[in-house]
PDB file of N, CA and C in Angstrom:
ATOM      1  N   UNK A   1     -53.981 112.876  64.498  1.00  0.00           N
ATOM      2  CA  UNK A   1     -53.635 111.666  65.212  1.00  0.00           C
ATOM      3  C   UNK A   1     -54.893 111.074  65.840  1.00  0.00           C
ATOM      4  N   UNK A   2     -54.966 109.771  65.817  1.00  0.00           N
ATOM      5  CA  UNK A   2     -56.095 109.082  66.440  1.00  0.00           C
ATOM      6  C   UNK A   2     -56.133 109.357  67.934  1.00  0.00           C
ATOM      7  N   UNK A   3     -57.324 109.361  68.513  1.00  0.00           N
ATOM      8  CA  UNK A   3     -57.444 109.623  69.944  1.00  0.00           C
ATOM      9  C   UNK A   3     -57.596 108.356  70.744  1.00  0.00           C
ATOM     10  N   UNK A   4     -57.422 107.195  70.105  1.00  0.00           N
ATOM     11  CA  UNK A   4     -57.575 105.916  70.784  1.00  0.00           C
ATOM     12  C   UNK A   4     -56.237 105.215  70.926  1.00  0.00           C
ATOM     13  N   UNK A   5     -56.046 104.552  72.057  1.00  0.00           N
ATOM     14  CA  UNK A   5     -54.911 103.676  72.272  1.00  0.00           C
ATOM     15  C   UNK A   5     -55.436 102.347  72.785  1.00  0.00           C
ATOM     16  N   UNK A   6     -54.633 101.298  72.719  1.00  0.00           N
ATOM     17  CA  UNK A   6     -55.038  99.988  73.205  1.00  0.00           C
ATOM     18  C   UNK A   6     -54.287  99.694  74.502  1.00  0.00           C
ATOM     19  N   UNK A   7     -55.033  99.363  75.554  1.00  0.00           N
ATOM     20  CA  UNK A   7     -54.444  99.117  76.866  1.00  0.00           C
ATOM     21  C   UNK A   7     -54.423  97.628  77.176  1.00  0.00           C
ATOM     22  N   UNK A   8     -53.403  97.220  77.942  1.00  0.00           N
ATOM     23  CA  UNK A   8     -53.367  95.853  78.455  1.00  0.00           C
ATOM     24  C   UNK A   8     -52.584  95.834  79.759  1.00  0.00           C
ATOM     25  N   UNK A   9     -53.003  94.931  80.643  1.00  0.00           N
ATOM     26  CA  UNK A   9     -52.292  94.763  81.901  1.00  0.00           C
ATOM     27  C   UNK A   9     -50.939  94.145  81.622  1.00  0.00           C
ATOM     28  N   UNK A  10     -49.928  94.613  82.340  1.00  0.00           N
ATOM     29  CA  UNK A  10     -48.569  94.104  82.203  1.00  0.00           C
ATOM     30  C   UNK A  10     -48.013  93.964  83.617  1.00  0.00           C
ATOM     31  N   UNK A  11     -48.235  92.827  84.233  1.00  0.00           N
ATOM     32  CA  UNK A  11     -47.839  92.652  85.629  1.00  0.00           C
ATOM     33  C   UNK A  11     -48.651  93.576  86.504  1.00  0.00           C
ATOM     34  N   UNK A  12     -47.977  94.472  87.212  1.00  0.00           N
ATOM     35  CA  UNK A  12     -48.675  95.411  88.091  1.00  0.00           C
ATOM     36  C   UNK A  12     -48.991  96.738  87.406  1.00  0.00           C
ATOM     37  N   UNK A  13     -48.635  96.867  86.141  1.00  0.00           N
ATOM     38  CA  UNK A  13     -48.840  98.122  85.438  1.00  0.00           C
ATOM     39  C   UNK A  13     -49.799  98.014  84.277  1.00  0.00           C
ATOM     40  N   UNK A  14     -50.033  99.149  83.656  1.00  0.00           N
ATOM     41  CA  UNK A  14     -50.877  99.243  82.475  1.00  0.00           C
ATOM     42  C   UNK A  14     -49.999  99.714  81.320  1.00  0.00           C
ATOM     43  N   UNK A  15     -49.985  98.944  80.247  1.00  0.00           N
ATOM     44  CA  UNK A  15     -49.217  99.296  79.060  1.00  0.00           C
ATOM     45  C   UNK A  15     -50.199  99.760  77.992  1.00  0.00           C
ATOM     46  N   UNK A  16     -49.874 100.860  77.335  1.00  0.00           N
ATOM     47  CA  UNK A  16     -50.771 101.454  76.352  1.00  0.00           C
ATOM     48  C   UNK A  16     -50.024 101.623  75.037  1.00  0.00           C
ATOM     49  N   UNK A  17     -50.574 101.047  73.988  1.00  0.00           N
ATOM     50  CA  UNK A  17     -50.037 101.233  72.653  1.00  0.00           C
ATOM     51  C   UNK A  17     -50.860 102.320  71.991  1.00  0.00           C
ATOM     52  N   UNK A  18     -50.229 103.456  71.783  1.00  0.00           N
ATOM     53  CA  UNK A  18     -50.890 104.617  71.187  1.00  0.00           C
ATOM     54  C   UNK A  18     -50.612 104.630  69.685  1.00  0.00           C
ATOM     55  N   UNK A  19     -51.303 105.491  68.942  1.00  0.00           N
ATOM     56  CA  UNK A  19     -51.030 105.604  67.500  1.00  0.00           C
ATOM     57  C   UNK A  19     -49.606 106.088  67.224  1.00  0.00           C
ATOM     58  N   UNK A  20     -49.184 105.898  65.997  1.00  0.00           N
ATOM     59  CA  UNK A  20     -47.888 106.397  65.515  1.00  0.00           C
ATOM     60  C   UNK A  20     -46.703 105.782  66.242  1.00  0.00           C
ATOM     61  N   UNK A  21     -46.859 104.540  66.717  1.00  0.00           N
ATOM     62  CA  UNK A  21     -45.752 103.785  67.332  1.00  0.00           C
ATOM     63  C   UNK A  21     -45.286 104.380  68.658  1.00  0.00           C
ATOM     64  N   UNK A  22     -46.191 105.005  69.369  1.00  0.00           N
ATOM     65  CA  UNK A  22     -45.905 105.522  70.708  1.00  0.00           C
ATOM     66  C   UNK A  22     -46.410 104.524  71.741  1.00  0.00           C
ATOM     67  N   UNK A  23     -45.609 104.270  72.747  1.00  0.00           N
ATOM     68  CA  UNK A  23     -45.974 103.373  73.848  1.00  0.00           C
ATOM     69  C   UNK A  23     -45.903 104.146  75.158  1.00  0.00           C
ATOM     70  N   UNK A  24     -46.707 103.707  76.110  1.00  0.00           N
ATOM     71  CA  UNK A  24     -46.739 104.332  77.431  1.00  0.00           C
ATOM     72  C   UNK A  24     -47.014 103.243  78.456  1.00  0.00           C
ATOM     73  N   UNK A  25     -46.416 103.368  79.620  1.00  0.00           N
ATOM     74  CA  UNK A  25     -46.835 102.502  80.714  1.00  0.00           C
ATOM     75  C   UNK A  25     -47.045 103.346  81.959  1.00  0.00           C
ATOM     76  N   UNK A  26     -47.951 102.882  82.794  1.00  0.00           N
ATOM     77  CA  UNK A  26     -48.280 103.565  84.051  1.00  0.00           C
ATOM     78  C   UNK A  26     -48.231 102.515  85.157  1.00  0.00           C
ATOM     79  N   UNK A  27     -47.551 102.842  86.245  1.00  0.00           N
ATOM     80  CA  UNK A  27     -47.423 101.942  87.394  1.00  0.00           C
ATOM     81  C   UNK A  27     -47.543 102.735  88.682  1.00  0.00           C
ATOM     82  N   UNK A  28     -47.987 102.065  89.713  1.00  0.00           N
ATOM     83  CA  UNK A  28     -47.998 102.677  91.041  1.00  0.00           C
ATOM     84  C   UNK A  28     -46.562 102.756  91.563  1.00  0.00           C
ATOM     85  N   UNK A  29     -46.226 103.822  92.268  1.00  0.00           N
ATOM     86  CA  UNK A  29     -44.889 103.979  92.832  1.00  0.00           C
ATOM     87  C   UNK A  29     -44.581 102.910  93.877  1.00  0.00           C
ATOM     88  N   UNK A  30     -45.613 102.443  94.598  1.00  0.00           N
ATOM     89  CA  UNK A  30     -45.390 101.443  95.642  1.00  0.00           C
ATOM     90  C   UNK A  30     -45.335 100.016  95.107  1.00  0.00           C
ATOM     91  N   UNK A  31     -45.488  99.841  93.788  1.00  0.00           N
ATOM     92  CA  UNK A  31     -45.392  98.531  93.174  1.00  0.00           C
ATOM     93  C   UNK A  31     -46.647  97.676  93.276  1.00  0.00           C
ATOM     94  N   UNK A  32     -47.647  98.154  93.981  1.00  0.00           N
ATOM     95  CA  UNK A  32     -48.887  97.390  94.113  1.00  0.00           C
ATOM     96  C   UNK A  32     -49.709  97.477  92.820  1.00  0.00           C
ATOM     97  N   UNK A  33     -50.627  96.538  92.686  1.00  0.00           N
ATOM     98  CA  UNK A  33     -51.525  96.533  91.526  1.00  0.00           C
ATOM     99  C   UNK A  33     -52.591  97.601  91.724  1.00  0.00           C
ATOM    100  N   UNK A  34     -52.828  98.391  90.707  1.00  0.00           N
ATOM    101  CA  UNK A  34     -53.881  99.409  90.732  1.00  0.00           C
ATOM    102  C   UNK A  34     -55.185  98.765  90.274  1.00  0.00           C
ATOM    103  N   UNK A  35     -56.194  98.660  91.135  1.00  0.00           N
ATOM    104  CA  UNK A  35     -57.449  98.020  90.740  1.00  0.00           C
ATOM    105  C   UNK A  35     -58.111  98.663  89.515  1.00  0.00           C
ATOM    106  N   UNK A  36     -57.945  99.958  89.334  1.00  0.00           N
ATOM    107  CA  UNK A  36     -58.558 100.646  88.204  1.00  0.00           C
ATOM    108  C   UNK A  36     -57.991 100.235  86.854  1.00  0.00           C
ATOM    109  N   UNK A  37     -56.800  99.627  86.835  1.00  0.00           N
ATOM    110  CA  UNK A  37     -56.215  99.188  85.570  1.00  0.00           C
ATOM    111  C   UNK A  37     -57.011  98.030  84.958  1.00  0.00           C
ATOM    112  N   UNK A  38     -57.576  97.167  85.796  1.00  0.00           N
ATOM    113  CA  UNK A  38     -58.250  95.960  85.310  1.00  0.00           C
ATOM    114  C   UNK A  38     -59.416  96.294  84.375  1.00  0.00           C
ATOM    115  N   UNK A  39     -60.131  97.363  84.649  1.00  0.00           N
ATOM    116  CA  UNK A  39     -61.288  97.699  83.809  1.00  0.00           C
ATOM    117  C   UNK A  39     -60.870  98.209  82.430  1.00  0.00           C
ATOM    118  N   UNK A  40     -59.593  98.563  82.264  1.00  0.00           N
ATOM    119  CA  UNK A  40     -59.107  99.055  80.972  1.00  0.00           C
ATOM    120  C   UNK A  40     -58.414  97.974  80.142  1.00  0.00           C
ATOM    121  N   UNK A  41     -58.150  96.822  80.753  1.00  0.00           N
ATOM    122  CA  UNK A  41     -57.410  95.746  80.078  1.00  0.00           C
ATOM    123  C   UNK A  41     -58.131  95.301  78.807  1.00  0.00           C
ATOM    124  N   UNK A  42     -57.400  95.339  77.692  1.00  0.00           N
ATOM    125  CA  UNK A  42     -57.944  94.899  76.415  1.00  0.00           C
ATOM    126  C   UNK A  42     -58.894  95.877  75.759  1.00  0.00           C
ATOM    127  N   UNK A  43     -58.971  97.079  76.277  1.00  0.00           N
ATOM    128  CA  UNK A  43     -59.919  98.073  75.761  1.00  0.00           C
ATOM    129  C   UNK A  43     -59.187  99.181  75.004  1.00  0.00           C
ATOM    130  N   UNK A  44     -59.927  99.806  74.091  1.00  0.00           N
ATOM    131  CA  UNK A  44     -59.437 101.036  73.482  1.00  0.00           C
ATOM    132  C   UNK A  44     -59.681 102.151  74.482  1.00  0.00           C
ATOM    133  N   UNK A  45     -58.663 102.957  74.720  1.00  0.00           N
ATOM    134  CA  UNK A  45     -58.785 104.036  75.703  1.00  0.00           C
ATOM    135  C   UNK A  45     -58.388 105.367  75.074  1.00  0.00           C
ATOM    136  N   UNK A  46     -58.755 106.426  75.750  1.00  0.00           N
ATOM    137  CA  UNK A  46     -58.444 107.780  75.286  1.00  0.00           C
ATOM    138  C   UNK A  46     -57.550 108.470  76.311  1.00  0.00           C
ATOM    139  N   UNK A  47     -57.139 109.670  75.962  1.00  0.00           N
ATOM    140  CA  UNK A  47     -56.362 110.490  76.889  1.00  0.00           C
ATOM    141  C   UNK A  47     -57.149 110.743  78.170  1.00  0.00           C
ATOM    142  N   UNK A  48     -58.453 110.815  78.059  1.00  0.00           N
ATOM    143  CA  UNK A  48     -59.281 111.035  79.254  1.00  0.00           C
ATOM    144  C   UNK A  48     -59.130 109.878  80.249  1.00  0.00           C
ATOM    145  N   UNK A  49     -59.066 108.643  79.744  1.00  0.00           N
ATOM    146  CA  UNK A  49     -58.841 107.488  80.615  1.00  0.00           C
ATOM    147  C   UNK A  49     -57.478 107.578  81.299  1.00  0.00           C
ATOM    148  N   UNK A  50     -56.471 107.962  80.550  1.00  0.00           N
ATOM    149  CA  UNK A  50     -55.125 108.109  81.108  1.00  0.00           C
ATOM    150  C   UNK A  50     -55.117 109.205  82.161  1.00  0.00           C
ATOM    151  N   UNK A  51     -55.873 110.276  81.915  1.00  0.00           N
ATOM    152  CA  UNK A  51     -55.953 111.394  82.853  1.00  0.00           C
ATOM    153  C   UNK A  51     -56.532 111.020  84.210  1.00  0.00           C
ATOM    154  N   UNK A  52     -57.214 109.901  84.307  1.00  0.00           N
ATOM    155  CA  UNK A  52     -57.705 109.439  85.611  1.00  0.00           C
ATOM    156  C   UNK A  52     -56.552 109.118  86.553  1.00  0.00           C
ATOM    157  N   UNK A  53     -55.430 108.703  85.984  1.00  0.00           N
ATOM    158  CA  UNK A  53     -54.260 108.345  86.785  1.00  0.00           C
ATOM    159  C   UNK A  53     -53.200 109.441  86.755  1.00  0.00           C
ATOM    160  N   UNK A  54     -53.079 110.152  85.659  1.00  0.00           N
ATOM    161  CA  UNK A  54     -52.115 111.249  85.502  1.00  0.00           C
ATOM    162  C   UNK A  54     -52.918 112.535  85.392  1.00  0.00           C
ATOM    163  N   UNK A  55     -53.488 112.948  86.500  1.00  0.00           N
ATOM    164  CA  UNK A  55     -54.475 114.021  86.488  1.00  0.00           C
ATOM    165  C   UNK A  55     -53.952 115.349  85.950  1.00  0.00           C
ATOM    166  N   UNK A  56     -52.730 115.685  86.213  1.00  0.00           N
ATOM    167  CA  UNK A  56     -52.181 116.945  85.729  1.00  0.00           C
ATOM    168  C   UNK A  56     -51.098 116.663  84.691  1.00  0.00           C
ATOM    169  N   UNK A  57     -51.458 115.915  83.654  1.00  0.00           N
ATOM    170  CA  UNK A  57     -50.476 115.426  82.701  1.00  0.00           C
ATOM    171  C   UNK A  57     -49.738 116.537  81.963  1.00  0.00           C
ATOM    172  N   UNK A  58     -50.348 117.692  81.820  1.00  0.00           N
ATOM    173  CA  UNK A  58     -49.668 118.796  81.123  1.00  0.00           C
ATOM    174  C   UNK A  58     -48.504 119.370  81.937  1.00  0.00           C
ATOM    175  N   UNK A  59     -48.571 119.224  83.252  1.00  0.00           N
ATOM    176  CA  UNK A  59     -47.558 119.828  84.119  1.00  0.00           C
ATOM    177  C   UNK A  59     -46.524 118.827  84.630  1.00  0.00           C
ATOM    178  N   UNK A  60     -46.498 117.619  84.078  1.00  0.00           N
ATOM    179  CA  UNK A  60     -45.538 116.624  84.554  1.00  0.00           C
ATOM    180  C   UNK A  60     -44.104 117.095  84.308  1.00  0.00           C
ATOM    181  N   UNK A  61     -43.241 116.801  85.259  1.00  0.00           N
ATOM    182  CA  UNK A  61     -41.811 117.101  85.121  1.00  0.00           C
ATOM    183  C   UNK A  61     -41.141 115.860  84.529  1.00  0.00           C
ATOM    184  N   UNK A  62     -40.891 115.895  83.244  1.00  0.00           N
ATOM    185  CA  UNK A  62     -40.342 114.740  82.537  1.00  0.00           C
ATOM    186  C   UNK A  62     -38.826 114.666  82.677  1.00  0.00           C
ATOM    187  N   UNK A  63     -38.328 113.445  82.826  1.00  0.00           N
ATOM    188  CA  UNK A  63     -36.896 113.174  82.843  1.00  0.00           C
ATOM    189  C   UNK A  63     -36.552 112.374  81.597  1.00  0.00           C
ATOM    190  N   UNK A  64     -35.616 112.881  80.861  1.00  0.00           N
ATOM    191  CA  UNK A  64     -35.163 112.205  79.643  1.00  0.00           C
ATOM    192  C   UNK A  64     -34.281 111.026  80.039  1.00  0.00           C
ATOM    193  N   UNK A  65     -34.621 109.832  79.578  1.00  0.00           N
ATOM    194  CA  UNK A  65     -33.860 108.628  79.910  1.00  0.00           C
ATOM    195  C   UNK A  65     -32.798 108.413  78.833  1.00  0.00           C
ATOM    196  N   UNK A  66     -31.576 108.735  79.179  1.00  0.00           N
ATOM    197  CA  UNK A  66     -30.483 108.681  78.197  1.00  0.00           C
ATOM    198  C   UNK A  66     -29.951 107.273  77.969  1.00  0.00           C
ATOM    199  N   UNK A  67     -29.960 106.439  78.996  1.00  0.00           N
ATOM    200  CA  UNK A  67     -29.354 105.111  78.894  1.00  0.00           C
ATOM    201  C   UNK A  67     -30.409 104.016  78.887  1.00  0.00           C
ATOM    202  N   UNK A  68     -31.409 104.194  78.080  1.00  0.00           N
ATOM    203  CA  UNK A  68     -32.507 103.242  77.979  1.00  0.00           C
ATOM    204  C   UNK A  68     -32.066 101.981  77.248  1.00  0.00           C
ATOM    205  N   UNK A  69     -32.675 100.852  77.598  1.00  0.00           N
ATOM    206  CA  UNK A  69     -32.426  99.603  76.876  1.00  0.00           C
ATOM    207  C   UNK A  69     -33.076  99.620  75.498  1.00  0.00           C
ATOM    208  N   UNK A  70     -33.990 100.554  75.303  1.00  0.00           N
ATOM    209  CA  UNK A  70     -34.706 100.639  74.035  1.00  0.00           C
ATOM    210  C   UNK A  70     -33.860 101.363  72.999  1.00  0.00           C
ATOM    211  N   UNK A  71     -34.189 101.167  71.741  1.00  0.00           N
ATOM    212  CA  UNK A  71     -33.460 101.859  70.673  1.00  0.00           C
ATOM    213  C   UNK A  71     -34.136 103.172  70.304  1.00  0.00           C
ATOM    214  N   UNK A  72     -35.130 103.589  71.098  1.00  0.00           N
ATOM    215  CA  UNK A  72     -35.827 104.838  70.818  1.00  0.00           C
ATOM    216  C   UNK A  72     -35.792 105.735  72.047  1.00  0.00           C
ATOM    217  N   UNK A  73     -36.198 106.984  71.863  1.00  0.00           N
ATOM    218  CA  UNK A  73     -36.240 107.925  72.966  1.00  0.00           C
ATOM    219  C   UNK A  73     -37.218 107.472  74.044  1.00  0.00           C
ATOM    220  N   UNK A  74     -36.888 107.781  75.285  1.00  0.00           N
ATOM    221  CA  UNK A  74     -37.746 107.411  76.409  1.00  0.00           C
ATOM    222  C   UNK A  74     -37.733 108.536  77.442  1.00  0.00           C
ATOM    223  N   UNK A  75     -38.903 108.785  78.040  1.00  0.00           N
ATOM    224  CA  UNK A  75     -39.077 109.785  79.085  1.00  0.00           C
ATOM    225  C   UNK A  75     -39.788 109.155  80.272  1.00  0.00           C
ATOM    226  N   UNK A  76     -39.530 109.660  81.478  1.00  0.00           N
ATOM    227  CA  UNK A  76     -40.190 109.178  82.677  1.00  0.00           C
ATOM    228  C   UNK A  76     -40.678 110.372  83.494  1.00  0.00           C
ATOM    229  N   UNK A  77     -41.835 110.202  84.153  1.00  0.00           N
ATOM    230  CA  UNK A  77     -42.377 111.245  85.028  1.00  0.00           C
ATOM    231  C   UNK A  77     -43.171 110.584  86.148  1.00  0.00           C
ATOM    232  N   UNK A  78     -43.375 111.345  87.235  1.00  0.00           N
ATOM    233  CA  UNK A  78     -44.213 110.890  88.335  1.00  0.00           C
ATOM    234  C   UNK A  78     -45.374 111.854  88.506  1.00  0.00           C
ATOM    235  N   UNK A  79     -46.523 111.262  88.852  1.00  0.00           N
ATOM    236  CA  UNK A  79     -47.731 112.053  89.086  1.00  0.00           C
ATOM    237  C   UNK A  79     -48.466 111.419  90.255  1.00  0.00           C
ATOM    238  N   UNK A  80     -48.440 112.072  91.397  1.00  0.00           N
ATOM    239  CA  UNK A  80     -49.120 111.515  92.570  1.00  0.00           C
ATOM    240  C   UNK A  80     -48.550 110.161  92.933  1.00  0.00           C
ATOM    241  N   UNK A  81     -49.393 109.141  92.929  1.00  0.00           N
ATOM    242  CA  UNK A  81     -48.983 107.782  93.291  1.00  0.00           C
ATOM    243  C   UNK A  81     -48.468 106.972  92.109  1.00  0.00           C
ATOM    244  N   UNK A  82     -48.302 107.607  90.954  1.00  0.00           N
ATOM    245  CA  UNK A  82     -47.975 106.876  89.731  1.00  0.00           C
ATOM    246  C   UNK A  82     -46.684 107.351  89.084  1.00  0.00           C
ATOM    247  N   UNK A  83     -46.077 106.418  88.356  1.00  0.00           N
ATOM    248  CA  UNK A  83     -44.920 106.706  87.503  1.00  0.00           C
ATOM    249  C   UNK A  83     -45.315 106.298  86.098  1.00  0.00           C
ATOM    250  N   UNK A  84     -44.914 107.088  85.124  1.00  0.00           N
ATOM    251  CA  UNK A  84     -45.207 106.757  83.733  1.00  0.00           C
ATOM    252  C   UNK A  84     -43.946 106.865  82.893  1.00  0.00           C
ATOM    253  N   UNK A  85     -43.879 106.030  81.892  1.00  0.00           N
ATOM    254  CA  UNK A  85     -42.824 106.075  80.888  1.00  0.00           C
ATOM    255  C   UNK A  85     -43.498 106.210  79.534  1.00  0.00           C
ATOM    256  N   UNK A  86     -42.908 106.993  78.669  1.00  0.00           N
ATOM    257  CA  UNK A  86     -43.342 107.054  77.275  1.00  0.00           C
ATOM    258  C   UNK A  86     -42.121 106.755  76.419  1.00  0.00           C
ATOM    259  N   UNK A  87     -42.344 106.042  75.332  1.00  0.00           N
ATOM    260  CA  UNK A  87     -41.221 105.655  74.484  1.00  0.00           C
ATOM    261  C   UNK A  87     -41.734 105.277  73.102  1.00  0.00           C
ATOM    262  N   UNK A  88     -40.832 105.340  72.142  1.00  0.00           N
ATOM    263  CA  UNK A  88     -41.179 104.923  70.795  1.00  0.00           C
ATOM    264  C   UNK A  88     -41.148 103.415  70.698  1.00  0.00           C
ATOM    265  N   UNK A  89     -41.839 102.888  69.719  1.00  0.00           N
ATOM    266  CA  UNK A  89     -41.858 101.461  69.455  1.00  0.00           C
ATOM    267  C   UNK A  89     -40.413 100.945  69.439  1.00  0.00           C
ATOM    268  N   UNK A  90     -40.104  99.919  70.252  1.00  0.00           N
ATOM    269  CA  UNK A  90     -38.731  99.398  70.234  1.00  0.00           C
ATOM    270  C   UNK A  90     -38.296  99.054  68.811  1.00  0.00           C
ATOM    271  N   UNK A  91     -37.121  99.499  68.464  1.00  0.00           N
ATOM    272  CA  UNK A  91     -36.605  99.294  67.121  1.00  0.00           C
ATOM    273  C   UNK A  91     -36.927 100.425  66.160  1.00  0.00           C
ATOM    274  N   UNK A  92     -37.688 101.411  66.611  1.00  0.00           N
ATOM    275  CA  UNK A  92     -38.103 102.491  65.708  1.00  0.00           C
ATOM    276  C   UNK A  92     -37.057 103.590  65.559  1.00  0.00           C
ATOM    277  N   UNK A  93     -36.109 103.655  66.456  1.00  0.00           N
ATOM    278  CA  UNK A  93     -35.057 104.688  66.434  1.00  0.00           C
ATOM    279  C   UNK A  93     -35.614 106.105  66.501  1.00  0.00           C
ATOM    280  N   UNK A  94     -36.751 106.286  67.175  1.00  0.00           N
ATOM    281  CA  UNK A  94     -37.325 107.630  67.331  1.00  0.00           C
ATOM    282  C   UNK A  94     -36.464 108.465  68.275  1.00  0.00           C
ATOM    283  N   UNK A  95     -36.343 109.721  67.968  1.00  0.00           N
ATOM    284  CA  UNK A  95     -35.635 110.652  68.838  1.00  0.00           C
ATOM    285  C   UNK A  95     -36.512 110.990  70.040  1.00  0.00           C
ATOM    286  N   UNK A  96     -35.881 111.446  71.110  1.00  0.00           N
ATOM    287  CA  UNK A  96     -36.620 111.849  72.310  1.00  0.00           C
ATOM    288  C   UNK A  96     -37.691 112.886  71.991  1.00  0.00           C
ATOM    289  N   UNK A  97     -37.334 113.863  71.182  1.00  0.00           N
ATOM    290  CA  UNK A  97     -38.273 114.937  70.854  1.00  0.00           C
ATOM    291  C   UNK A  97     -39.495 114.410  70.091  1.00  0.00           C
ATOM    292  N   UNK A  98     -39.276 113.426  69.215  1.00  0.00           N
ATOM    293  CA  UNK A  98     -40.385 112.829  68.477  1.00  0.00           C
ATOM    294  C   UNK A  98     -41.359 112.122  69.427  1.00  0.00           C
ATOM    295  N   UNK A  99     -40.803 111.408  70.390  1.00  0.00           N
ATOM    296  CA  UNK A  99     -41.630 110.692  71.366  1.00  0.00           C
ATOM    297  C   UNK A  99     -42.478 111.685  72.161  1.00  0.00           C
ATOM    298  N   UNK A 100     -41.860 112.752  72.646  1.00  0.00           N
ATOM    299  CA  UNK A 100     -42.600 113.741  73.438  1.00  0.00           C
ATOM    300  C   UNK A 100     -43.671 114.423  72.582  1.00  0.00           C
ATOM    301  N   UNK A 101     -43.350 114.723  71.342  1.00  0.00           N
ATOM    302  CA  UNK A 101     -44.330 115.355  70.455  1.00  0.00           C
ATOM    303  C   UNK A 101     -45.530 114.426  70.231  1.00  0.00           C
ATOM    304  N   UNK A 102     -45.293 113.150  70.000  1.00  0.00           N
ATOM    305  CA  UNK A 102     -46.387 112.200  69.807  1.00  0.00           C
ATOM    306  C   UNK A 102     -47.243 112.074  71.060  1.00  0.00           C
ATOM    307  N   UNK A 103     -46.605 112.057  72.226  1.00  0.00           N
ATOM    308  CA  UNK A 103     -47.350 111.988  73.486  1.00  0.00           C
ATOM    309  C   UNK A 103     -48.279 113.196  73.628  1.00  0.00           C
ATOM    310  N   UNK A 104     -47.751 114.375  73.406  1.00  0.00           N
ATOM    311  CA  UNK A 104     -48.560 115.587  73.541  1.00  0.00           C
ATOM    312  C   UNK A 104     -49.711 115.618  72.535  1.00  0.00           C
ATOM    313  N   UNK A 105     -49.447 115.194  71.316  1.00  0.00           N
ATOM    314  CA  UNK A 105     -50.505 115.163  70.298  1.00  0.00           C
ATOM    315  C   UNK A 105     -51.587 114.152  70.661  1.00  0.00           C
ATOM    316  N   UNK A 106     -51.184 112.995  71.177  1.00  0.00           N
ATOM    317  CA  UNK A 106     -52.174 111.990  71.589  1.00  0.00           C
ATOM    318  C   UNK A 106     -53.012 112.501  72.748  1.00  0.00           C
ATOM    319  N   UNK A 107     -52.377 113.095  73.743  1.00  0.00           N
ATOM    320  CA  UNK A 107     -53.109 113.541  74.928  1.00  0.00           C
ATOM    321  C   UNK A 107     -54.005 114.744  74.605  1.00  0.00           C
ATOM    322  N   UNK A 108     -53.652 115.532  73.602  1.00  0.00           N
ATOM    323  CA  UNK A 108     -54.476 116.688  73.222  1.00  0.00           C
ATOM    324  C   UNK A 108     -55.614 116.331  72.276  1.00  0.00           C
ATOM    325  N   UNK A 109     -55.576 115.123  71.713  1.00  0.00           N
ATOM    326  CA  UNK A 109     -56.594 114.739  70.705  1.00  0.00           C
ATOM    327  C   UNK A 109     -57.986 114.637  71.312  1.00  0.00           C
TER     328      UNK A 109
END
């Protein structure tokens, strides 16, 4: 799996399009804009960049989102001051397990 994803600002959060139709967003829990997101807007980023905000990403306690508006699996977790969601490309019909596997492979690359 490629180790690069494309980041863009999305309101107060950072949206990341990863390889293999995996998407991720990161937002502050307090809803404020994170100044560090601006330097990543429009850039290719790696798991290391994501780790700046989700420092202990391997130990996150993920919650499976059963009633998502998306047609694919979705997970949510909190890390410090941040909340993250991972999900398959809308319309992809990916299972929850597929989404989590892609996330782990991307972050380990």
